Every structure is written in C-alpha cells, then in structure tokens.
N, C-alpha and C. Protein backbone atom coordinates (compact mmCIF):
# COMPACT_ATOMS: atom_id res chain seq x y z
N MET A 1 82.24 338.17 -52.70
CA MET A 1 83.56 337.60 -52.60
C MET A 1 84.04 337.60 -51.15
N ALA A 2 83.68 338.64 -50.40
CA ALA A 2 84.09 338.72 -48.99
C ALA A 2 83.48 337.56 -48.21
N LEU A 3 82.24 337.20 -48.52
CA LEU A 3 81.59 336.09 -47.83
C LEU A 3 82.32 334.77 -48.12
N PHE A 4 82.75 334.59 -49.36
CA PHE A 4 83.50 333.39 -49.72
C PHE A 4 84.77 333.28 -48.88
N PHE A 5 85.54 334.36 -48.82
CA PHE A 5 86.79 334.32 -48.06
C PHE A 5 86.54 334.17 -46.56
N HIS A 6 85.47 334.77 -46.08
CA HIS A 6 85.11 334.59 -44.66
C HIS A 6 84.85 333.11 -44.37
N ARG A 7 84.11 332.46 -45.25
CA ARG A 7 83.83 331.03 -45.08
C ARG A 7 85.08 330.19 -45.26
N PHE A 8 85.89 330.52 -46.26
CA PHE A 8 87.11 329.77 -46.53
C PHE A 8 88.04 329.83 -45.32
N PHE A 9 88.28 331.03 -44.81
CA PHE A 9 89.16 331.16 -43.65
C PHE A 9 88.51 330.60 -42.39
N GLY A 10 87.19 330.64 -42.31
CA GLY A 10 86.48 330.00 -41.20
C GLY A 10 86.69 328.50 -41.22
N ALA A 11 86.67 327.92 -42.41
CA ALA A 11 86.94 326.48 -42.54
C ALA A 11 88.38 326.17 -42.17
N LEU A 12 89.31 327.01 -42.60
CA LEU A 12 90.71 326.81 -42.23
C LEU A 12 90.91 326.90 -40.72
N ALA A 13 90.15 327.78 -40.08
CA ALA A 13 90.26 327.98 -38.63
C ALA A 13 89.44 326.97 -37.84
N LEU A 14 88.78 326.04 -38.54
CA LEU A 14 87.95 325.00 -37.90
C LEU A 14 86.81 325.62 -37.09
N ASP A 15 86.20 326.66 -37.63
CA ASP A 15 85.12 327.38 -36.97
C ASP A 15 83.78 326.70 -37.25
N SER A 16 83.18 326.14 -36.22
CA SER A 16 81.92 325.41 -36.41
C SER A 16 80.80 326.34 -36.88
N ASP A 17 80.83 327.62 -36.49
CA ASP A 17 79.81 328.56 -36.97
C ASP A 17 79.91 328.77 -38.48
N ALA A 18 81.12 328.77 -39.01
CA ALA A 18 81.29 328.91 -40.46
C ALA A 18 80.66 327.72 -41.18
N PHE A 19 80.89 326.52 -40.65
CA PHE A 19 80.31 325.33 -41.27
C PHE A 19 78.78 325.33 -41.15
N GLU A 20 78.27 325.81 -40.03
CA GLU A 20 76.82 325.91 -39.85
C GLU A 20 76.24 326.88 -40.87
N ASP A 21 76.91 328.00 -41.10
CA ASP A 21 76.48 328.99 -42.08
C ASP A 21 76.48 328.38 -43.48
N ILE A 22 77.53 327.67 -43.81
CA ILE A 22 77.64 327.02 -45.13
C ILE A 22 76.53 326.00 -45.32
N GLU A 23 76.27 325.23 -44.27
CA GLU A 23 75.23 324.20 -44.35
C GLU A 23 73.87 324.79 -44.72
N HIS A 24 73.55 325.93 -44.16
CA HIS A 24 72.21 326.49 -44.34
C HIS A 24 72.07 327.43 -45.54
N ASP A 25 73.16 327.76 -46.21
CA ASP A 25 73.09 328.67 -47.35
C ASP A 25 73.10 327.89 -48.66
N ARG A 26 71.94 327.76 -49.25
CA ARG A 26 71.82 327.02 -50.51
C ARG A 26 72.58 327.69 -51.65
N HIS A 27 72.95 328.94 -51.47
CA HIS A 27 73.69 329.66 -52.51
C HIS A 27 75.20 329.43 -52.41
N ALA A 28 75.63 328.63 -51.43
CA ALA A 28 77.06 328.39 -51.23
C ALA A 28 77.57 327.20 -52.05
N ASN A 29 76.72 326.60 -52.86
CA ASN A 29 77.14 325.43 -53.64
C ASN A 29 78.33 325.75 -54.54
N MET A 30 78.25 326.84 -55.28
CA MET A 30 79.33 327.19 -56.20
C MET A 30 80.60 327.52 -55.44
N GLN A 31 80.46 328.18 -54.28
CA GLN A 31 81.64 328.47 -53.47
C GLN A 31 82.31 327.17 -53.04
N SER A 32 81.53 326.21 -52.64
CA SER A 32 82.06 324.92 -52.22
C SER A 32 82.78 324.22 -53.38
N ILE A 33 82.19 324.30 -54.54
CA ILE A 33 82.81 323.71 -55.73
C ILE A 33 84.15 324.39 -56.03
N LEU A 34 84.20 325.70 -55.86
CA LEU A 34 85.45 326.43 -56.09
C LEU A 34 86.55 325.98 -55.13
N VAL A 35 86.18 325.71 -53.87
CA VAL A 35 87.17 325.22 -52.91
C VAL A 35 87.69 323.86 -53.36
N VAL A 36 86.79 322.97 -53.73
CA VAL A 36 87.20 321.63 -54.18
C VAL A 36 88.10 321.74 -55.41
N ILE A 37 87.75 322.59 -56.35
CA ILE A 37 88.57 322.77 -57.55
C ILE A 37 89.96 323.28 -57.18
N ALA A 38 90.02 324.26 -56.28
CA ALA A 38 91.32 324.80 -55.85
C ALA A 38 92.18 323.72 -55.20
N VAL A 39 91.56 322.89 -54.38
CA VAL A 39 92.30 321.81 -53.71
C VAL A 39 92.76 320.77 -54.73
N CYS A 40 91.92 320.45 -55.68
CA CYS A 40 92.30 319.48 -56.71
C CYS A 40 93.45 320.01 -57.57
N LEU A 41 93.41 321.29 -57.90
CA LEU A 41 94.52 321.89 -58.65
C LEU A 41 95.80 321.87 -57.82
N ALA A 42 95.69 322.12 -56.52
CA ALA A 42 96.85 322.05 -55.63
C ALA A 42 97.39 320.62 -55.58
N GLY A 43 96.48 319.64 -55.57
CA GLY A 43 96.89 318.23 -55.61
C GLY A 43 97.62 317.91 -56.90
N GLY A 44 97.16 318.48 -58.00
CA GLY A 44 97.85 318.29 -59.27
C GLY A 44 99.25 318.89 -59.24
N TRP A 45 99.37 320.06 -58.64
CA TRP A 45 100.67 320.70 -58.52
C TRP A 45 101.61 319.84 -57.67
N ALA A 46 101.08 319.32 -56.56
CA ALA A 46 101.89 318.46 -55.68
C ALA A 46 102.35 317.22 -56.43
N ALA A 47 101.50 316.70 -57.30
CA ALA A 47 101.86 315.51 -58.07
C ALA A 47 103.01 315.78 -59.03
N MET A 48 103.19 317.00 -59.41
CA MET A 48 104.28 317.35 -60.32
C MET A 48 105.63 317.26 -59.61
N GLY A 49 105.67 317.51 -58.33
CA GLY A 49 106.89 317.36 -57.54
C GLY A 49 108.11 318.09 -58.02
N SER A 50 108.33 319.28 -57.52
CA SER A 50 109.55 320.06 -57.76
C SER A 50 109.86 320.33 -59.22
N GLY A 51 108.87 320.37 -60.06
CA GLY A 51 109.08 320.73 -61.44
C GLY A 51 109.71 319.66 -62.31
N ARG A 52 109.94 318.45 -61.78
CA ARG A 52 110.55 317.38 -62.59
C ARG A 52 109.54 316.74 -63.53
N ALA A 53 108.30 316.91 -63.25
CA ALA A 53 107.27 316.27 -64.05
C ALA A 53 106.62 317.30 -64.97
N GLY A 54 105.71 316.83 -65.77
CA GLY A 54 105.09 317.71 -66.74
C GLY A 54 103.61 317.91 -66.52
N VAL A 55 103.00 318.49 -67.51
CA VAL A 55 101.58 318.80 -67.47
C VAL A 55 100.75 317.53 -67.30
N ASP A 56 101.20 316.43 -67.88
CA ASP A 56 100.47 315.17 -67.74
C ASP A 56 100.31 314.79 -66.27
N ASP A 57 101.38 314.97 -65.49
CA ASP A 57 101.31 314.64 -64.07
C ASP A 57 100.38 315.58 -63.33
N TRP A 58 100.39 316.85 -63.71
CA TRP A 58 99.51 317.82 -63.08
C TRP A 58 98.05 317.47 -63.37
N VAL A 59 97.74 317.16 -64.61
CA VAL A 59 96.37 316.79 -64.98
C VAL A 59 95.96 315.50 -64.26
N SER A 60 96.84 314.52 -64.27
CA SER A 60 96.54 313.25 -63.58
C SER A 60 96.32 313.48 -62.10
N GLY A 61 97.19 314.25 -61.47
CA GLY A 61 97.04 314.53 -60.04
C GLY A 61 95.75 315.25 -59.73
N THR A 62 95.37 316.19 -60.58
CA THR A 62 94.12 316.94 -60.39
C THR A 62 92.92 316.01 -60.50
N ILE A 63 92.91 315.16 -61.50
CA ILE A 63 91.80 314.23 -61.70
C ILE A 63 91.73 313.22 -60.56
N ILE A 64 92.86 312.71 -60.13
CA ILE A 64 92.88 311.76 -59.01
C ILE A 64 92.37 312.43 -57.75
N ALA A 65 92.78 313.68 -57.50
CA ALA A 65 92.31 314.39 -56.31
C ALA A 65 90.79 314.58 -56.36
N LEU A 66 90.24 314.92 -57.51
CA LEU A 66 88.80 315.08 -57.63
C LEU A 66 88.08 313.75 -57.43
N GLY A 67 88.59 312.70 -58.05
CA GLY A 67 88.00 311.38 -57.87
C GLY A 67 88.04 310.94 -56.42
N ALA A 68 89.16 311.19 -55.75
CA ALA A 68 89.29 310.82 -54.34
C ALA A 68 88.28 311.59 -53.49
N TRP A 69 88.10 312.87 -53.79
CA TRP A 69 87.13 313.66 -53.03
C TRP A 69 85.71 313.13 -53.24
N LEU A 70 85.36 312.82 -54.48
CA LEU A 70 84.02 312.30 -54.76
C LEU A 70 83.76 310.98 -54.04
N VAL A 71 84.74 310.09 -54.06
CA VAL A 71 84.61 308.80 -53.37
C VAL A 71 84.48 309.03 -51.87
N TRP A 72 85.35 309.88 -51.33
CA TRP A 72 85.34 310.17 -49.89
C TRP A 72 84.01 310.79 -49.47
N ALA A 73 83.51 311.75 -50.23
CA ALA A 73 82.22 312.39 -49.91
C ALA A 73 81.09 311.36 -49.97
N GLY A 74 81.14 310.45 -50.92
CA GLY A 74 80.13 309.40 -51.00
C GLY A 74 80.16 308.48 -49.79
N PHE A 75 81.37 308.09 -49.38
CA PHE A 75 81.48 307.25 -48.18
C PHE A 75 80.97 307.99 -46.95
N ILE A 76 81.34 309.26 -46.79
CA ILE A 76 80.91 310.05 -45.64
C ILE A 76 79.39 310.15 -45.62
N ALA A 77 78.80 310.46 -46.77
CA ALA A 77 77.34 310.60 -46.85
C ALA A 77 76.65 309.29 -46.50
N SER A 78 77.14 308.19 -47.03
CA SER A 78 76.53 306.89 -46.77
C SER A 78 76.67 306.47 -45.31
N ILE A 79 77.88 306.58 -44.79
CA ILE A 79 78.12 306.17 -43.41
C ILE A 79 77.38 307.08 -42.45
N GLY A 80 77.46 308.38 -42.69
CA GLY A 80 76.88 309.35 -41.77
C GLY A 80 75.38 309.41 -41.74
N THR A 81 74.74 309.14 -42.87
CA THR A 81 73.27 309.26 -42.91
C THR A 81 72.54 307.93 -42.87
N MET A 82 73.21 306.84 -43.28
CA MET A 82 72.51 305.55 -43.33
C MET A 82 73.06 304.52 -42.35
N THR A 83 74.37 304.49 -42.17
CA THR A 83 74.98 303.45 -41.36
C THR A 83 74.94 303.77 -39.87
N ILE A 84 75.39 304.97 -39.50
CA ILE A 84 75.41 305.30 -38.07
C ILE A 84 74.86 306.71 -37.80
N PRO A 85 73.64 306.99 -38.24
CA PRO A 85 73.08 308.31 -37.94
C PRO A 85 72.60 308.37 -36.48
N GLU A 86 72.42 309.57 -35.98
CA GLU A 86 71.76 309.77 -34.70
C GLU A 86 70.29 310.01 -34.99
N PRO A 87 69.42 309.90 -33.99
CA PRO A 87 68.00 310.15 -34.24
C PRO A 87 67.72 311.54 -34.83
N GLU A 88 68.57 312.53 -34.47
CA GLU A 88 68.37 313.89 -34.96
C GLU A 88 68.96 314.12 -36.35
N THR A 89 69.65 313.13 -36.87
CA THR A 89 70.33 313.31 -38.15
C THR A 89 69.32 313.46 -39.27
N HIS A 90 69.40 314.60 -39.90
CA HIS A 90 68.62 314.86 -41.11
C HIS A 90 69.49 315.74 -41.99
N SER A 91 69.83 315.25 -43.14
CA SER A 91 70.68 316.02 -44.02
C SER A 91 70.31 315.73 -45.46
N GLU A 92 70.33 316.78 -46.22
CA GLU A 92 70.15 316.63 -47.65
C GLU A 92 71.54 316.59 -48.27
N LEU A 93 71.71 315.83 -49.31
CA LEU A 93 73.01 315.67 -49.94
C LEU A 93 73.66 317.00 -50.32
N PRO A 94 72.93 317.95 -50.91
CA PRO A 94 73.60 319.21 -51.27
C PRO A 94 74.21 319.93 -50.06
N GLU A 95 73.53 319.95 -48.92
CA GLU A 95 74.10 320.65 -47.76
C GLU A 95 75.31 319.90 -47.22
N LEU A 96 75.28 318.59 -47.26
CA LEU A 96 76.43 317.81 -46.81
C LEU A 96 77.62 318.03 -47.75
N LEU A 97 77.36 318.04 -49.04
CA LEU A 97 78.44 318.27 -50.01
C LEU A 97 79.02 319.68 -49.88
N ARG A 98 78.17 320.65 -49.56
CA ARG A 98 78.66 322.03 -49.35
C ARG A 98 79.68 322.07 -48.22
N VAL A 99 79.32 321.50 -47.07
CA VAL A 99 80.25 321.57 -45.94
C VAL A 99 81.48 320.71 -46.17
N LEU A 100 81.32 319.57 -46.84
CA LEU A 100 82.48 318.73 -47.13
C LEU A 100 83.41 319.41 -48.13
N GLY A 101 82.84 320.17 -49.04
CA GLY A 101 83.68 320.93 -49.98
C GLY A 101 84.54 321.93 -49.24
N PHE A 102 83.95 322.68 -48.33
CA PHE A 102 84.71 323.65 -47.56
C PHE A 102 85.66 322.96 -46.58
N ALA A 103 85.32 321.76 -46.13
CA ALA A 103 86.20 321.02 -45.21
C ALA A 103 87.53 320.67 -45.88
N THR A 104 87.56 320.69 -47.19
CA THR A 104 88.82 320.40 -47.89
C THR A 104 89.73 321.61 -47.98
N ALA A 105 89.27 322.76 -47.51
CA ALA A 105 90.04 324.01 -47.65
C ALA A 105 91.51 323.87 -47.25
N PRO A 106 91.85 323.18 -46.15
CA PRO A 106 93.27 323.05 -45.83
C PRO A 106 94.07 322.34 -46.93
N GLY A 107 93.39 321.64 -47.81
CA GLY A 107 94.06 320.92 -48.89
C GLY A 107 94.76 321.81 -49.88
N VAL A 108 94.47 323.13 -49.87
CA VAL A 108 95.19 324.01 -50.79
C VAL A 108 96.68 324.03 -50.47
N PHE A 109 97.01 323.72 -49.23
CA PHE A 109 98.42 323.71 -48.82
C PHE A 109 99.15 322.45 -49.27
N ILE A 110 98.44 321.50 -49.84
CA ILE A 110 99.10 320.28 -50.34
C ILE A 110 100.04 320.61 -51.49
N ALA A 111 99.82 321.75 -52.13
CA ALA A 111 100.72 322.17 -53.21
C ALA A 111 102.16 322.27 -52.71
N LEU A 112 102.33 322.53 -51.41
CA LEU A 112 103.69 322.60 -50.85
C LEU A 112 104.38 321.24 -50.87
N ALA A 113 103.62 320.17 -51.07
CA ALA A 113 104.21 318.83 -51.16
C ALA A 113 105.02 318.68 -52.44
N ALA A 114 104.91 319.63 -53.36
CA ALA A 114 105.74 319.59 -54.57
C ALA A 114 107.21 319.78 -54.20
N LEU A 115 107.46 320.37 -53.04
CA LEU A 115 108.82 320.47 -52.52
C LEU A 115 109.15 319.11 -51.92
N THR A 116 109.74 318.27 -52.70
CA THR A 116 109.93 316.86 -52.38
C THR A 116 110.42 316.59 -50.96
N PRO A 117 111.42 317.28 -50.43
CA PRO A 117 111.86 316.97 -49.06
C PRO A 117 110.77 317.23 -48.01
N ALA A 118 109.89 318.17 -48.28
CA ALA A 118 108.84 318.52 -47.33
C ALA A 118 107.57 317.69 -47.51
N ALA A 119 107.49 316.93 -48.57
CA ALA A 119 106.24 316.23 -48.93
C ALA A 119 105.66 315.38 -47.80
N PRO A 120 106.42 314.54 -47.13
CA PRO A 120 105.81 313.72 -46.08
C PRO A 120 105.23 314.54 -44.93
N VAL A 121 105.95 315.57 -44.53
CA VAL A 121 105.47 316.42 -43.42
C VAL A 121 104.25 317.21 -43.85
N VAL A 122 104.31 317.81 -45.02
CA VAL A 122 103.19 318.59 -45.54
C VAL A 122 101.95 317.70 -45.69
N THR A 123 102.14 316.53 -46.25
CA THR A 123 101.02 315.61 -46.45
C THR A 123 100.38 315.22 -45.13
N ALA A 124 101.19 314.94 -44.13
CA ALA A 124 100.66 314.55 -42.81
C ALA A 124 99.90 315.70 -42.16
N ILE A 125 100.48 316.89 -42.20
CA ILE A 125 99.82 318.04 -41.57
C ILE A 125 98.52 318.38 -42.28
N VAL A 126 98.57 318.45 -43.60
CA VAL A 126 97.37 318.80 -44.37
C VAL A 126 96.30 317.72 -44.20
N GLY A 127 96.69 316.46 -44.22
CA GLY A 127 95.72 315.38 -44.04
C GLY A 127 95.03 315.45 -42.69
N PHE A 128 95.81 315.68 -41.63
CA PHE A 128 95.22 315.79 -40.29
C PHE A 128 94.32 317.02 -40.19
N TRP A 129 94.74 318.13 -40.75
CA TRP A 129 93.96 319.37 -40.74
C TRP A 129 92.64 319.16 -41.48
N MET A 130 92.68 318.51 -42.63
CA MET A 130 91.46 318.23 -43.38
C MET A 130 90.54 317.28 -42.62
N LEU A 131 91.12 316.30 -41.93
CA LEU A 131 90.31 315.39 -41.13
C LEU A 131 89.61 316.14 -40.01
N CYS A 132 90.31 317.04 -39.35
CA CYS A 132 89.70 317.85 -38.29
C CYS A 132 88.57 318.72 -38.84
N ALA A 133 88.81 319.36 -39.98
CA ALA A 133 87.77 320.19 -40.60
C ALA A 133 86.57 319.33 -40.99
N SER A 134 86.83 318.13 -41.47
CA SER A 134 85.76 317.23 -41.87
C SER A 134 84.91 316.81 -40.68
N VAL A 135 85.56 316.54 -39.56
CA VAL A 135 84.82 316.15 -38.36
C VAL A 135 83.86 317.27 -37.95
N ILE A 136 84.35 318.49 -37.96
CA ILE A 136 83.49 319.62 -37.59
C ILE A 136 82.37 319.79 -38.61
N ALA A 137 82.69 319.67 -39.89
CA ALA A 137 81.69 319.81 -40.95
C ALA A 137 80.61 318.74 -40.83
N VAL A 138 81.03 317.50 -40.61
CA VAL A 138 80.07 316.40 -40.50
C VAL A 138 79.19 316.57 -39.26
N ARG A 139 79.82 316.97 -38.17
CA ARG A 139 79.03 317.18 -36.94
C ARG A 139 77.95 318.23 -37.17
N GLN A 140 78.30 319.32 -37.84
CA GLN A 140 77.33 320.38 -38.08
C GLN A 140 76.26 319.94 -39.09
N ALA A 141 76.70 319.34 -40.18
CA ALA A 141 75.75 319.00 -41.25
C ALA A 141 74.80 317.87 -40.86
N LEU A 142 75.29 316.93 -40.05
CA LEU A 142 74.46 315.78 -39.69
C LEU A 142 73.83 315.92 -38.30
N ASP A 143 74.01 317.09 -37.70
CA ASP A 143 73.40 317.39 -36.41
C ASP A 143 73.75 316.38 -35.33
N TYR A 144 75.01 315.96 -35.32
CA TYR A 144 75.47 315.04 -34.28
C TYR A 144 75.65 315.80 -32.97
N ARG A 145 75.28 315.16 -31.88
CA ARG A 145 75.46 315.78 -30.56
C ARG A 145 76.89 315.65 -30.08
N HIS A 146 77.59 314.63 -30.52
CA HIS A 146 78.93 314.36 -30.02
C HIS A 146 79.93 314.28 -31.17
N PHE A 147 81.13 314.77 -30.89
CA PHE A 147 82.19 314.73 -31.90
C PHE A 147 82.61 313.29 -32.19
N ALA A 148 82.47 312.41 -31.21
CA ALA A 148 82.96 311.03 -31.40
C ALA A 148 82.32 310.37 -32.62
N ARG A 149 81.04 310.57 -32.80
CA ARG A 149 80.36 309.96 -33.95
C ARG A 149 80.89 310.55 -35.25
N ALA A 150 81.11 311.85 -35.27
CA ALA A 150 81.66 312.50 -36.46
C ALA A 150 83.08 312.02 -36.73
N VAL A 151 83.86 311.80 -35.68
CA VAL A 151 85.22 311.28 -35.83
C VAL A 151 85.18 309.89 -36.47
N VAL A 152 84.27 309.04 -35.99
CA VAL A 152 84.15 307.68 -36.53
C VAL A 152 83.74 307.73 -38.00
N VAL A 153 82.75 308.55 -38.31
CA VAL A 153 82.28 308.66 -39.70
C VAL A 153 83.43 309.12 -40.62
N CYS A 154 84.15 310.15 -40.20
CA CYS A 154 85.23 310.67 -41.04
C CYS A 154 86.40 309.70 -41.13
N ALA A 155 86.71 309.05 -40.02
CA ALA A 155 87.82 308.07 -40.04
C ALA A 155 87.47 306.89 -40.95
N LEU A 156 86.26 306.37 -40.79
CA LEU A 156 85.85 305.24 -41.66
C LEU A 156 85.83 305.66 -43.12
N GLY A 157 85.28 306.84 -43.40
CA GLY A 157 85.25 307.33 -44.78
C GLY A 157 86.65 307.47 -45.36
N SER A 158 87.57 307.97 -44.56
CA SER A 158 88.95 308.15 -45.02
C SER A 158 89.65 306.82 -45.24
N ILE A 159 89.45 305.89 -44.31
CA ILE A 159 90.07 304.56 -44.43
C ILE A 159 89.53 303.83 -45.66
N LEU A 160 88.22 303.87 -45.85
CA LEU A 160 87.62 303.19 -47.00
C LEU A 160 88.09 303.83 -48.31
N THR A 161 88.18 305.16 -48.32
CA THR A 161 88.65 305.85 -49.52
C THR A 161 90.09 305.48 -49.83
N ALA A 162 90.95 305.50 -48.81
CA ALA A 162 92.36 305.14 -49.01
C ALA A 162 92.48 303.71 -49.51
N GLY A 163 91.69 302.81 -48.94
CA GLY A 163 91.72 301.42 -49.37
C GLY A 163 91.29 301.25 -50.81
N LEU A 164 90.20 301.92 -51.18
CA LEU A 164 89.71 301.83 -52.56
C LEU A 164 90.72 302.43 -53.54
N LEU A 165 91.30 303.56 -53.18
CA LEU A 165 92.29 304.17 -54.06
C LEU A 165 93.53 303.29 -54.19
N ALA A 166 93.92 302.64 -53.10
CA ALA A 166 95.07 301.73 -53.16
C ALA A 166 94.78 300.56 -54.10
N LEU A 167 93.57 300.01 -54.02
CA LEU A 167 93.19 298.92 -54.92
C LEU A 167 93.18 299.37 -56.38
N ILE A 168 92.66 300.55 -56.61
CA ILE A 168 92.64 301.08 -57.97
C ILE A 168 94.07 301.30 -58.46
N GLY A 169 94.91 301.84 -57.59
CA GLY A 169 96.32 302.04 -57.93
C GLY A 169 97.02 300.74 -58.28
N LEU A 170 96.74 299.71 -57.50
CA LEU A 170 97.32 298.40 -57.79
C LEU A 170 96.84 297.87 -59.13
N ALA A 171 95.57 298.05 -59.41
CA ALA A 171 95.03 297.57 -60.67
C ALA A 171 95.69 298.27 -61.85
N PHE A 172 95.90 299.59 -61.74
CA PHE A 172 96.54 300.32 -62.83
C PHE A 172 98.01 299.98 -62.93
N THR A 173 98.67 299.73 -61.79
CA THR A 173 100.09 299.37 -61.80
C THR A 173 100.28 298.04 -62.51
N ARG A 174 99.43 297.09 -62.23
CA ARG A 174 99.55 295.77 -62.85
C ARG A 174 99.18 295.82 -64.33
N THR A 175 98.27 296.70 -64.68
CA THR A 175 97.86 296.82 -66.08
C THR A 175 98.98 297.45 -66.91
N VAL A 176 99.66 298.45 -66.34
CA VAL A 176 100.69 299.18 -67.06
C VAL A 176 101.94 298.32 -67.24
N HIS A 177 102.33 297.55 -66.24
CA HIS A 177 103.57 296.77 -66.31
C HIS A 177 103.30 295.50 -67.01
C-alpha cells in the first residue's frame, strides 16, 4: 500500500521518476486501475453538483468519466506510437495504460467541482494539472527525448477526445429532445 501512495503522490507531484517506475512495473496494473476508478468516482460526484442531483447523475458522471478516459487513452496510444513516434519509441499498451492511469491522479480533485461556484476554476486547474501529468507520463512511456512531442501528443489526444465527446453529447441531446 505504501508503494501505491508513493506512486500516487509522485504522479500528483509530476515526478518523472515515479512515472518511469510505474512504466517498468508490470505489477502496477491494478494500482493504475484503482487510480482511474477513483477519478471516475470523483467525476461522478462532480456531476451531482452540490447535492441537487441524485444517484443517477453520479452513475452517469462516473460512466462518462470512464468512457472519456478510455477514448483519451486510445487516442494517446494511437497518436504517440503510430502517428508521431520517435525512432526510440517502443511501448507496449499495458505500460502506456499504466502511466496514463496514474497521470489521471490529479482528477480526484474534480470532486470539488460539485461546489457549483468553484466548478469552472476547479475544472480548469484539474484539467491543466492532468495534462501536465500526462505529458510527463507519455514522455516516459514512449521514450521521447523532448517534451514538445509529448505535449503535441497529449494536446491532440485531448482535443480529439473533447471533440468526440461533444459530438456524442449532441447526438444524445437531439435524441432526448
């Protein structure tokens, strides 16, 4: 358990050594999954917003957060390993998913977005923090020499994910009304 918290707080502190450790430890898969689950549950809590909503909103928010993470991780993996890899880039999907799981660690603070007046600020801070953690995670997992390539991969993955989620949201909005 101490190793889990060391890695979790290392991810929060944007420690590249923590991400390197996570990348190389095949036994960290379950720990990574636990981080993603915690962040998804926090996303569900944020979706409830100040207690005005119910369990349905919490469940929906949790499922949407998990779906968003899966889509985002898929985009990152595709862009980082196939679209713009460096010659040294060699990554197996499990190790990339491990570091991306821990890169979401700052997302546990998204639960504070349930405080409606603070939601925009919390969302912006947590989003930027997660993007920074993702850049470090991608750089370590894909063996990039420069942060710029990792920034591009994470930015493109985030933009594509946001666009896809917006399209899905529009489709559900039009279906419901």
